[in-house]
Amino acid sequence: MKNLPKLLKRLSVVFILIAIVAVAGLGCHTANGFGQDMKDAGQGIQNGTK
């Protein structure tokens, strides 16, 4: 029981790190999807001008 506060603190840090990595991963997928959408839009504009 004496080490419980230390364990909770360590688990909290691990949980926060996991959350940060998850959010960063989702952000990368979102940016990748946005880039693909912009590419598709540009392709549509090019096809429309032909």
Protein backbone atom coordinates (compact mmCIF):
# COMPACT_ATOMS: atom_id res chain seq x y z
CA MET A 1 0.00 0.00 0.00
CA LYS A 2 2.96 2.28 0.55
CA ASN A 3 3.84 2.29 -3.17
CA LEU A 4 0.26 2.90 -4.34
CA PRO A 5 0.65 6.67 -4.98
CA LYS A 6 3.83 6.03 -6.98
CA LEU A 7 2.08 3.30 -9.00
CA LEU A 8 -0.91 5.53 -9.71
CA LYS A 9 1.37 8.35 -10.82
CA ARG A 10 3.27 6.02 -13.14
CA LEU A 11 0.04 4.61 -14.60
CA SER A 12 -1.26 8.13 -15.15
CA VAL A 13 1.86 9.09 -17.06
CA VAL A 14 1.62 5.95 -19.20
CA PHE A 15 -2.05 6.61 -19.92
CA ILE A 16 -1.33 10.21 -20.93
CA LEU A 17 1.49 9.10 -23.24
CA ILE A 18 -0.76 6.51 -24.89
CA ALA A 19 -3.46 9.16 -25.37
CA ILE A 20 -0.95 11.57 -26.96
CA VAL A 21 0.30 8.89 -29.35
CA ALA A 22 -3.29 7.97 -30.29
CA VAL A 23 -4.24 11.60 -30.99
CA ALA A 24 -1.06 12.14 -33.03
CA GLY A 25 -1.82 9.02 -35.06
CA LEU A 26 -5.34 10.18 -35.77
CA GLY A 27 -4.04 13.60 -36.77
CA CYS A 28 -1.67 12.05 -39.30
CA HIS A 29 -4.49 10.06 -40.87
CA THR A 30 -6.63 13.19 -41.03
CA ALA A 31 -3.86 15.19 -42.74
CA ASN A 32 -3.27 12.31 -45.14
CA GLY A 33 -6.98 12.19 -45.99
CA PHE A 34 -7.06 15.96 -46.50
CA GLY A 35 -4.11 15.73 -48.88
CA GLN A 36 -5.86 13.01 -50.85
CA ASP A 37 -9.05 15.11 -51.03
CA MET A 38 -7.08 18.10 -52.33
CA LYS A 39 -5.37 15.90 -54.92
CA ASP A 40 -8.73 14.56 -56.07
CA ALA A 41 -10.17 18.09 -56.26
CA GLY A 42 -7.22 19.26 -58.36
CA GLN A 43 -7.63 16.27 -60.66
CA GLY A 44 -11.33 17.10 -61.07
CA ILE A 45 -10.49 20.70 -61.99
CA GLN A 46 -7.92 19.52 -64.53
CA ASN A 47 -10.41 17.09 -66.06
CA GLY A 48 -13.03 19.86 -66.23
CA THR A 49 -10.76 22.18 -68.21
CA LYS A 50 -10.03 19.64 -70.95
